[in-house]
Amino acid sequence: MYQVEVNGEIVGTSEHPVFIRLNKNGCYVPCDESLADGVCVKLPRQEEREIVDEATGEKTTESVIVYEDTVFAFADGGLTGIEPVCKITKKEE
């Protein structure tokens, strides 16, 4: 399990982070952790969704958790220079 921190705050955990570097063509490519300039992890995000009752047409809103891929650099200006910077730490289970 890996713990992801941004500005000293834990933003999530991941069992399977994808360590990445920037290829010459500008694309992120997976690589060994020792060669990585960043990481891609799935992090939870709360989202509001509108639900319409088919029978009555009544609209309600529900809050759901969705997971989205998030790319982080390991240093300011790393990767393309626009990614947020994180620290990732492997936690022993």
PDB file of N, CA and C in Angstrom:
ATOM      1  N   MET A   1       0.840  -1.163   0.000  1.00  0.00           N
ATOM      2  CA  MET A   1       0.000   0.000   0.000  1.00  0.00           C
ATOM      3  C   MET A   1       0.896   1.241   0.000  1.00  0.00           C
ATOM      4  N   TYR A   2       0.545   2.221  -0.831  1.00  0.00           N
ATOM      5  CA  TYR A   2       1.281   3.467  -0.912  1.00  0.00           C
ATOM      6  C   TYR A   2       0.391   4.605  -0.425  1.00  0.00           C
ATOM      7  N   GLN A   3       0.996   5.551   0.267  1.00  0.00           N
ATOM      8  CA  GLN A   3       0.295   6.729   0.762  1.00  0.00           C
ATOM      9  C   GLN A   3       0.745   7.934  -0.063  1.00  0.00           C
ATOM     10  N   VAL A   4      -0.218   8.743  -0.528  1.00  0.00           N
ATOM     11  CA  VAL A   4       0.079   9.903  -1.362  1.00  0.00           C
ATOM     12  C   VAL A   4      -0.167  11.170  -0.546  1.00  0.00           C
ATOM     13  N   GLU A   5       0.851  12.038  -0.474  1.00  0.00           N
ATOM     14  CA  GLU A   5       0.743  13.298   0.260  1.00  0.00           C
ATOM     15  C   GLU A   5       0.984  14.474  -0.680  1.00  0.00           C
ATOM     16  N   VAL A   6       0.178  15.516  -0.499  1.00  0.00           N
ATOM     17  CA  VAL A   6       0.360  16.771  -1.219  1.00  0.00           C
ATOM     18  C   VAL A   6       0.397  17.879  -0.175  1.00  0.00           C
ATOM     19  N   ASN A   7       1.453  18.666  -0.171  1.00  0.00           N
ATOM     20  CA  ASN A   7       1.631  19.743   0.809  1.00  0.00           C
ATOM     21  C   ASN A   7       1.477  19.241   2.243  1.00  0.00           C
ATOM     22  N   GLY A   8       1.994  18.051   2.522  1.00  0.00           N
ATOM     23  CA  GLY A   8       1.951  17.493   3.855  1.00  0.00           C
ATOM     24  C   GLY A   8       0.628  16.872   4.262  1.00  0.00           C
ATOM     25  N   GLU A   9      -0.359  16.893   3.385  1.00  0.00           N
ATOM     26  CA  GLU A   9      -1.679  16.328   3.677  1.00  0.00           C
ATOM     27  C   GLU A   9      -1.883  15.043   2.890  1.00  0.00           C
ATOM     28  N   ILE A  10      -2.359  13.994   3.559  1.00  0.00           N
ATOM     29  CA  ILE A  10      -2.628  12.726   2.885  1.00  0.00           C
ATOM     30  C   ILE A  10      -3.873  12.894   2.024  1.00  0.00           C
ATOM     31  N   VAL A  11      -3.732  12.650   0.704  1.00  0.00           N
ATOM     32  CA  VAL A  11      -4.860  12.797  -0.216  1.00  0.00           C
ATOM     33  C   VAL A  11      -5.429  11.452  -0.650  1.00  0.00           C
ATOM     34  N   GLY A  12      -4.741  10.375  -0.308  1.00  0.00           N
ATOM     35  CA  GLY A  12      -5.254   9.056  -0.660  1.00  0.00           C
ATOM     36  C   GLY A  12      -4.195   7.990  -0.522  1.00  0.00           C
ATOM     37  N   THR A  13      -4.651   6.762  -0.791  1.00  0.00           N
ATOM     38  CA  THR A  13      -3.757   5.615  -0.791  1.00  0.00           C
ATOM     39  C   THR A  13      -4.006   4.816  -2.060  1.00  0.00           C
ATOM     40  N   SER A  14      -3.023   4.018  -2.428  1.00  0.00           N
ATOM     41  CA  SER A  14      -3.153   3.199  -3.625  1.00  0.00           C
ATOM     42  C   SER A  14      -2.376   1.909  -3.447  1.00  0.00           C
ATOM     43  N   GLU A  15      -3.002   0.810  -3.831  1.00  0.00           N
ATOM     44  CA  GLU A  15      -2.287  -0.462  -3.801  1.00  0.00           C
ATOM     45  C   GLU A  15      -1.431  -0.637  -5.048  1.00  0.00           C
ATOM     46  N   HIS A  16      -1.855  -0.020  -6.147  1.00  0.00           N
ATOM     47  CA  HIS A  16      -1.172  -0.227  -7.423  1.00  0.00           C
ATOM     48  C   HIS A  16      -0.909   1.089  -8.145  1.00  0.00           C
ATOM     49  N   PRO A  17      -0.025   1.941  -7.611  1.00  0.00           N
ATOM     50  CA  PRO A  17       0.292   3.157  -8.339  1.00  0.00           C
ATOM     51  C   PRO A  17       1.062   2.811  -9.611  1.00  0.00           C
ATOM     52  N   VAL A  18       0.929   3.646 -10.622  1.00  0.00           N
ATOM     53  CA  VAL A  18       1.677   3.451 -11.862  1.00  0.00           C
ATOM     54  C   VAL A  18       2.756   4.525 -11.894  1.00  0.00           C
ATOM     55  N   PHE A  19       3.998   4.105 -11.746  1.00  0.00           N
ATOM     56  CA  PHE A  19       5.111   5.037 -11.791  1.00  0.00           C
ATOM     57  C   PHE A  19       5.366   5.394 -13.252  1.00  0.00           C
ATOM     58  N   ILE A  20       5.598   6.689 -13.497  1.00  0.00           N
ATOM     59  CA  ILE A  20       5.681   7.170 -14.878  1.00  0.00           C
ATOM     60  C   ILE A  20       6.866   8.109 -15.080  1.00  0.00           C
ATOM     61  N   ARG A  21       7.192   8.269 -16.334  1.00  0.00           N
ATOM     62  CA  ARG A  21       8.152   9.282 -16.785  1.00  0.00           C
ATOM     63  C   ARG A  21       7.588   9.878 -18.057  1.00  0.00           C
ATOM     64  N   LEU A  22       8.159  10.955 -18.525  1.00  0.00           N
ATOM     65  CA  LEU A  22       7.692  11.602 -19.743  1.00  0.00           C
ATOM     66  C   LEU A  22       8.519  11.102 -20.918  1.00  0.00           C
ATOM     67  N   ASN A  23       7.844  10.577 -21.931  1.00  0.00           N
ATOM     68  CA  ASN A  23       8.517  10.084 -23.128  1.00  0.00           C
ATOM     69  C   ASN A  23       8.924  11.275 -24.006  1.00  0.00           C
ATOM     70  N   LYS A  24       9.801  11.041 -24.963  1.00  0.00           N
ATOM     71  CA  LYS A  24      10.251  12.105 -25.874  1.00  0.00           C
ATOM     72  C   LYS A  24       9.108  12.725 -26.658  1.00  0.00           C
ATOM     73  N   ASN A  25       8.037  11.930 -26.904  1.00  0.00           N
ATOM     74  CA  ASN A  25       6.903  12.446 -27.670  1.00  0.00           C
ATOM     75  C   ASN A  25       5.899  13.202 -26.799  1.00  0.00           C
ATOM     76  N   GLY A  26       6.193  13.346 -25.488  1.00  0.00           N
ATOM     77  CA  GLY A  26       5.329  14.108 -24.592  1.00  0.00           C
ATOM     78  C   GLY A  26       4.274  13.296 -23.864  1.00  0.00           C
ATOM     79  N   CYS A  27       4.278  11.983 -24.058  1.00  0.00           N
ATOM     80  CA  CYS A  27       3.301  11.113 -23.383  1.00  0.00           C
ATOM     81  C   CYS A  27       3.893  10.543 -22.100  1.00  0.00           C
ATOM     82  N   TYR A  28       3.006  10.291 -21.132  1.00  0.00           N
ATOM     83  CA  TYR A  28       3.423   9.583 -19.932  1.00  0.00           C
ATOM     84  C   TYR A  28       3.603   8.110 -20.298  1.00  0.00           C
ATOM     85  N   VAL A  29       4.674   7.503 -19.805  1.00  0.00           N
ATOM     86  CA  VAL A  29       4.873   6.076 -20.021  1.00  0.00           C
ATOM     87  C   VAL A  29       5.193   5.410 -18.687  1.00  0.00           C
ATOM     88  N   PRO A  30       4.674   4.201 -18.474  1.00  0.00           N
ATOM     89  CA  PRO A  30       4.992   3.470 -17.241  1.00  0.00           C
ATOM     90  C   PRO A  30       6.480   3.138 -17.194  1.00  0.00           C
ATOM     91  N   CYS A  31       7.017   3.112 -15.991  1.00  0.00           N
ATOM     92  CA  CYS A  31       8.427   2.757 -15.835  1.00  0.00           C
ATOM     93  C   CYS A  31       8.649   2.206 -14.438  1.00  0.00           C
ATOM     94  N   ASP A  32       9.844   1.731 -14.194  1.00  0.00           N
ATOM     95  CA  ASP A  32      10.223   1.246 -12.879  1.00  0.00           C
ATOM     96  C   ASP A  32      10.241   2.426 -11.901  1.00  0.00           C
ATOM     97  N   GLU A  33       9.901   2.144 -10.666  1.00  0.00           N
ATOM     98  CA  GLU A  33       9.852   3.190  -9.634  1.00  0.00           C
ATOM     99  C   GLU A  33      11.166   3.969  -9.549  1.00  0.00           C
ATOM    100  N   SER A  34      12.289   3.300  -9.740  1.00  0.00           N
ATOM    101  CA  SER A  34      13.599   3.956  -9.622  1.00  0.00           C
ATOM    102  C   SER A  34      13.861   4.966 -10.749  1.00  0.00           C
ATOM    103  N   LEU A  35      13.128   4.868 -11.862  1.00  0.00           N
ATOM    104  CA  LEU A  35      13.309   5.772 -13.001  1.00  0.00           C
ATOM    105  C   LEU A  35      12.202   6.831 -13.099  1.00  0.00           C
ATOM    106  N   ALA A  36      11.238   6.770 -12.197  1.00  0.00           N
ATOM    107  CA  ALA A  36      10.036   7.593 -12.308  1.00  0.00           C
ATOM    108  C   ALA A  36      10.269   9.059 -11.952  1.00  0.00           C
ATOM    109  N   ASP A  37       9.566   9.923 -12.690  1.00  0.00           N
ATOM    110  CA  ASP A  37       9.514  11.355 -12.392  1.00  0.00           C
ATOM    111  C   ASP A  37       8.162  11.732 -11.800  1.00  0.00           C
ATOM    112  N   GLY A  38       7.253  10.727 -11.750  1.00  0.00           N
ATOM    113  CA  GLY A  38       5.920  10.981 -11.219  1.00  0.00           C
ATOM    114  C   GLY A  38       5.161   9.684 -11.064  1.00  0.00           C
ATOM    115  N   VAL A  39       3.874   9.832 -10.734  1.00  0.00           N
ATOM    116  CA  VAL A  39       3.039   8.670 -10.475  1.00  0.00           C
ATOM    117  C   VAL A  39       1.599   8.983 -10.872  1.00  0.00           C
ATOM    118  N   CYS A  40       0.882   7.944 -11.276  1.00  0.00           N
ATOM    119  CA  CYS A  40      -0.543   8.058 -11.574  1.00  0.00           C
ATOM    120  C   CYS A  40      -1.273   7.132 -10.599  1.00  0.00           C
ATOM    121  N   VAL A  41      -2.239   7.690  -9.874  1.00  0.00           N
ATOM    122  CA  VAL A  41      -3.013   6.909  -8.904  1.00  0.00           C
ATOM    123  C   VAL A  41      -4.495   7.227  -9.050  1.00  0.00           C
ATOM    124  N   LYS A  42      -5.334   6.277  -8.681  1.00  0.00           N
ATOM    125  CA  LYS A  42      -6.777   6.502  -8.639  1.00  0.00           C
ATOM    126  C   LYS A  42      -7.114   7.075  -7.272  1.00  0.00           C
ATOM    127  N   LEU A  43      -7.731   8.250  -7.263  1.00  0.00           N
ATOM    128  CA  LEU A  43      -8.111   8.886  -6.016  1.00  0.00           C
ATOM    129  C   LEU A  43      -9.613   9.127  -5.987  1.00  0.00           C
ATOM    130  N   PRO A  44     -10.221   9.041  -4.794  1.00  0.00           N
ATOM    131  CA  PRO A  44     -11.659   9.265  -4.688  1.00  0.00           C
ATOM    132  C   PRO A  44     -12.001  10.748  -4.783  1.00  0.00           C
ATOM    133  N   ARG A  45     -13.153  11.017  -5.376  1.00  0.00           N
ATOM    134  CA  ARG A  45     -13.674  12.378  -5.484  1.00  0.00           C
ATOM    135  C   ARG A  45     -15.179  12.297  -5.311  1.00  0.00           C
ATOM    136  N   GLN A  46     -15.731  13.201  -4.504  1.00  0.00           N
ATOM    137  CA  GLN A  46     -17.179  13.215  -4.304  1.00  0.00           C
ATOM    138  C   GLN A  46     -17.835  13.982  -5.447  1.00  0.00           C
ATOM    139  N   GLU A  47     -18.914  13.421  -5.964  1.00  0.00           N
ATOM    140  CA  GLU A  47     -19.612  14.020  -7.104  1.00  0.00           C
ATOM    141  C   GLU A  47     -21.113  14.008  -6.832  1.00  0.00           C
ATOM    142  N   GLU A  48     -21.774  15.075  -7.200  1.00  0.00           N
ATOM    143  CA  GLU A  48     -23.234  15.151  -7.071  1.00  0.00           C
ATOM    144  C   GLU A  48     -23.847  14.735  -8.403  1.00  0.00           C
ATOM    145  N   ARG A  49     -24.834  13.838  -8.343  1.00  0.00           N
ATOM    146  CA  ARG A  49     -25.511  13.378  -9.561  1.00  0.00           C
ATOM    147  C   ARG A  49     -27.001  13.618  -9.433  1.00  0.00           C
ATOM    148  N   GLU A  50     -27.584  14.059 -10.527  1.00  0.00           N
ATOM    149  CA  GLU A  50     -29.027  14.273 -10.558  1.00  0.00           C
ATOM    150  C   GLU A  50     -29.706  12.997 -11.029  1.00  0.00           C
ATOM    151  N   ILE A  51     -30.739  12.597 -10.314  1.00  0.00           N
ATOM    152  CA  ILE A  51     -31.490  11.390 -10.657  1.00  0.00           C
ATOM    153  C   ILE A  51     -32.922  11.810 -10.954  1.00  0.00           C
ATOM    154  N   VAL A  52     -33.443  11.307 -12.066  1.00  0.00           N
ATOM    155  CA  VAL A  52     -34.814  11.606 -12.455  1.00  0.00           C
ATOM    156  C   VAL A  52     -35.647  10.338 -12.327  1.00  0.00           C
ATOM    157  N   ASP A  53     -36.699  10.406 -11.527  1.00  0.00           N
ATOM    158  CA  ASP A  53     -37.625   9.282 -11.376  1.00  0.00           C
ATOM    159  C   ASP A  53     -38.408   9.149 -12.678  1.00  0.00           C
ATOM    160  N   GLU A  54     -38.274   8.006 -13.338  1.00  0.00           N
ATOM    161  CA  GLU A  54     -38.925   7.812 -14.644  1.00  0.00           C
ATOM    162  C   GLU A  54     -40.442   7.876 -14.551  1.00  0.00           C
ATOM    163  N   ALA A  55     -41.002   7.430 -13.447  1.00  0.00           N
ATOM    164  CA  ALA A  55     -42.459   7.408 -13.304  1.00  0.00           C
ATOM    165  C   ALA A  55     -43.038   8.789 -13.037  1.00  0.00           C
ATOM    166  N   THR A  56     -42.368   9.561 -12.163  1.00  0.00           N
ATOM    167  CA  THR A  56     -42.940  10.854 -11.753  1.00  0.00           C
ATOM    168  C   THR A  56     -42.238  12.054 -12.373  1.00  0.00           C
ATOM    169  N   GLY A  57     -41.026  11.855 -12.868  1.00  0.00           N
ATOM    170  CA  GLY A  57     -40.259  12.972 -13.408  1.00  0.00           C
ATOM    171  C   GLY A  57     -39.581  13.799 -12.323  1.00  0.00           C
ATOM    172  N   GLU A  58     -39.748  13.379 -11.064  1.00  0.00           N
ATOM    173  CA  GLU A  58     -39.159  14.116  -9.943  1.00  0.00           C
ATOM    174  C   GLU A  58     -37.641  13.990  -9.972  1.00  0.00           C
ATOM    175  N   LYS A  59     -36.970  15.118  -9.733  1.00  0.00           N
ATOM    176  CA  LYS A  59     -35.510  15.143  -9.739  1.00  0.00           C
ATOM    177  C   LYS A  59     -34.992  15.206  -8.315  1.00  0.00           C
ATOM    178  N   THR A  60     -33.995  14.379  -8.049  1.00  0.00           N
ATOM    179  CA  THR A  60     -33.297  14.406  -6.765  1.00  0.00           C
ATOM    180  C   THR A  60     -31.800  14.373  -7.040  1.00  0.00           C
ATOM    181  N   THR A  61     -31.054  14.701  -6.022  1.00  0.00           N
ATOM    182  CA  THR A  61     -29.599  14.690  -6.153  1.00  0.00           C
ATOM    183  C   THR A  61     -29.026  13.720  -5.138  1.00  0.00           C
ATOM    184  N   GLU A  62     -28.032  12.943  -5.581  1.00  0.00           N
ATOM    185  CA  GLU A  62     -27.342  12.052  -4.655  1.00  0.00           C
ATOM    186  C   GLU A  62     -25.846  12.299  -4.754  1.00  0.00           C
ATOM    187  N   SER A  63     -25.185  12.067  -3.661  1.00  0.00           N
ATOM    188  CA  SER A  63     -23.742  12.231  -3.597  1.00  0.00           C
ATOM    189  C   SER A  63     -23.105  10.853  -3.741  1.00  0.00           C
ATOM    190  N   VAL A  64     -22.172  10.735  -4.673  1.00  0.00           N
ATOM    191  CA  VAL A  64     -21.485   9.465  -4.896  1.00  0.00           C
ATOM    192  C   VAL A  64     -19.978   9.702  -4.913  1.00  0.00           C
ATOM    193  N   ILE A  65     -19.255   8.646  -4.604  1.00  0.00           N
ATOM    194  CA  ILE A  65     -17.794   8.696  -4.687  1.00  0.00           C
ATOM    195  C   ILE A  65     -17.379   8.068  -6.011  1.00  0.00           C
ATOM    196  N   VAL A  66     -16.584   8.800  -6.786  1.00  0.00           N
ATOM    197  CA  VAL A  66     -16.035   8.272  -8.034  1.00  0.00           C
ATOM    198  C   VAL A  66     -14.514   8.279  -7.913  1.00  0.00           C
ATOM    199  N   TYR A  67     -13.882   7.393  -8.632  1.00  0.00           N
ATOM    200  CA  TYR A  67     -12.423   7.322  -8.623  1.00  0.00           C
ATOM    201  C   TYR A  67     -11.909   7.775  -9.972  1.00  0.00           C
ATOM    202  N   GLU A  68     -10.906   8.669  -9.931  1.00  0.00           N
ATOM    203  CA  GLU A  68     -10.341   9.147 -11.187  1.00  0.00           C
ATOM    204  C   GLU A  68      -8.822   9.091 -11.129  1.00  0.00           C
ATOM    205  N   ASP A  69      -8.239   8.849 -12.296  1.00  0.00           N
ATOM    206  CA  ASP A  69      -6.785   8.819 -12.398  1.00  0.00           C
ATOM    207  C   ASP A  69      -6.253  10.230 -12.187  1.00  0.00           C
ATOM    208  N   THR A  70      -5.260  10.349 -11.332  1.00  0.00           N
ATOM    209  CA  THR A  70      -4.636  11.632 -11.045  1.00  0.00           C
ATOM    210  C   THR A  70      -3.136  11.471 -11.224  1.00  0.00           C
ATOM    211  N   VAL A  71      -2.532  12.390 -11.976  1.00  0.00           N
ATOM    212  CA  VAL A  71      -1.094  12.341 -12.242  1.00  0.00           C
ATOM    213  C   VAL A  71      -0.400  13.375 -11.363  1.00  0.00           C
ATOM    214  N   PHE A  72       0.662  12.938 -10.711  1.00  0.00           N
ATOM    215  CA  PHE A  72       1.477  13.813  -9.869  1.00  0.00           C
ATOM    216  C   PHE A  72       2.926  13.742 -10.326  1.00  0.00           C
ATOM    217  N   ALA A  73       3.637  14.856 -10.199  1.00  0.00           N
ATOM    218  CA  ALA A  73       5.085  14.889 -10.402  1.00  0.00           C
ATOM    219  C   ALA A  73       5.745  14.745  -9.037  1.00  0.00           C
ATOM    220  N   PHE A  74       6.998  14.332  -9.028  1.00  0.00           N
ATOM    221  CA  PHE A  74       7.730  14.211  -7.770  1.00  0.00           C
ATOM    222  C   PHE A  74       8.483  15.491  -7.418  1.00  0.00           C
ATOM    223  N   ALA A  75       8.587  16.427  -8.378  1.00  0.00           N
ATOM    224  CA  ALA A  75       9.298  17.679  -8.120  1.00  0.00           C
ATOM    225  C   ALA A  75       8.669  18.795  -8.929  1.00  0.00           C
ATOM    226  N   ASP A  76       8.772  20.031  -8.422  1.00  0.00           N
ATOM    227  CA  ASP A  76       8.279  21.186  -9.173  1.00  0.00           C
ATOM    228  C   ASP A  76       8.913  21.204 -10.551  1.00  0.00           C
ATOM    229  N   GLY A  77       8.092  21.390 -11.577  1.00  0.00           N
ATOM    230  CA  GLY A  77       8.585  21.432 -12.942  1.00  0.00           C
ATOM    231  C   GLY A  77       8.839  20.064 -13.534  1.00  0.00           C
ATOM    232  N   GLY A  78       8.586  18.998 -12.768  1.00  0.00           N
ATOM    233  CA  GLY A  78       8.773  17.643 -13.277  1.00  0.00           C
ATOM    234  C   GLY A  78       7.693  17.297 -14.283  1.00  0.00           C
ATOM    235  N   LEU A  79       7.898  16.249 -15.034  1.00  0.00           N
ATOM    236  CA  LEU A  79       6.984  15.807 -16.095  1.00  0.00           C
ATOM    237  C   LEU A  79       6.721  16.978 -17.040  1.00  0.00           C
ATOM    238  N   THR A  80       5.458  17.401 -17.225  1.00  0.00           N
ATOM    239  CA  THR A  80       5.194  18.513 -18.151  1.00  0.00           C
ATOM    240  C   THR A  80       5.289  19.860 -17.454  1.00  0.00           C
ATOM    241  N   GLY A  81       5.333  19.849 -16.121  1.00  0.00           N
ATOM    242  CA  GLY A  81       5.422  21.094 -15.368  1.00  0.00           C
ATOM    243  C   GLY A  81       4.088  21.611 -14.860  1.00  0.00           C
ATOM    244  N   ILE A  82       2.982  20.949 -15.241  1.00  0.00           N
ATOM    245  CA  ILE A  82       1.667  21.425 -14.804  1.00  0.00           C
ATOM    246  C   ILE A  82       1.028  20.514 -13.741  1.00  0.00           C
ATOM    247  N   GLU A  83       1.638  19.381 -13.482  1.00  0.00           N
ATOM    248  CA  GLU A  83       1.077  18.426 -12.529  1.00  0.00           C
ATOM    249  C   GLU A  83       1.359  18.890 -11.097  1.00  0.00           C
ATOM    250  N   PRO A  84       0.423  18.600 -10.184  1.00  0.00           N
ATOM    251  CA  PRO A  84       0.711  18.884  -8.782  1.00  0.00           C
ATOM    252  C   PRO A  84       1.844  17.979  -8.302  1.00  0.00           C
ATOM    253  N   VAL A  85       2.549  18.424  -7.287  1.00  0.00           N
ATOM    254  CA  VAL A  85       3.681  17.673  -6.753  1.00  0.00           C
ATOM    255  C   VAL A  85       3.215  16.843  -5.560  1.00  0.00           C
ATOM    256  N   CYS A  86       3.677  15.607  -5.488  1.00  0.00           N
ATOM    257  CA  CYS A  86       3.324  14.747  -4.357  1.00  0.00           C
ATOM    258  C   CYS A  86       4.552  14.037  -3.820  1.00  0.00           C
ATOM    259  N   LYS A  87       4.339  13.481  -2.653  1.00  0.00           N
ATOM    260  CA  LYS A  87       5.303  12.566  -2.036  1.00  0.00           C
ATOM    261  C   LYS A  87       4.554  11.256  -1.894  1.00  0.00           C
ATOM    262  N   ILE A  88       5.162  10.160  -2.315  1.00  0.00           N
ATOM    263  CA  ILE A  88       4.499   8.859  -2.197  1.00  0.00           C
ATOM    264  C   ILE A  88       5.384   7.955  -1.350  1.00  0.00           C
ATOM    265  N   THR A  89       4.777   7.297  -0.378  1.00  0.00           N
ATOM    266  CA  THR A  89       5.508   6.480   0.582  1.00  0.00           C
ATOM    267  C   THR A  89       4.886   5.083   0.640  1.00  0.00           C
ATOM    268  N   LYS A  90       5.722   4.082   0.555  1.00  0.00           N
ATOM    269  CA  LYS A  90       5.246   2.700   0.689  1.00  0.00           C
ATOM    270  C   LYS A  90       5.059   2.386   2.161  1.00  0.00           C
ATOM    271  N   LYS A  91       3.857   1.924   2.502  1.00  0.00           N
ATOM    272  CA  LYS A  91       3.527   1.573   3.874  1.00  0.00           C
ATOM    273  C   LYS A  91       3.517   0.069   4.024  1.00  0.00           C
ATOM    274  N   GLU A  92       4.184  -0.430   5.038  1.00  0.00           N
ATOM    275  CA  GLU A  92       4.193  -1.867   5.306  1.00  0.00           C
ATOM    276  C   GLU A  92       2.868  -2.265   5.921  1.00  0.00           C
ATOM    277  N   GLU A  93       2.350  -3.400   5.499  1.00  0.00           N
ATOM    278  CA  GLU A  93       1.059  -3.867   6.021  1.00  0.00           C
ATOM    279  C   GLU A  93       1.248  -4.874   7.105  1.00  0.00           C
TER     280      GLU A  93
END
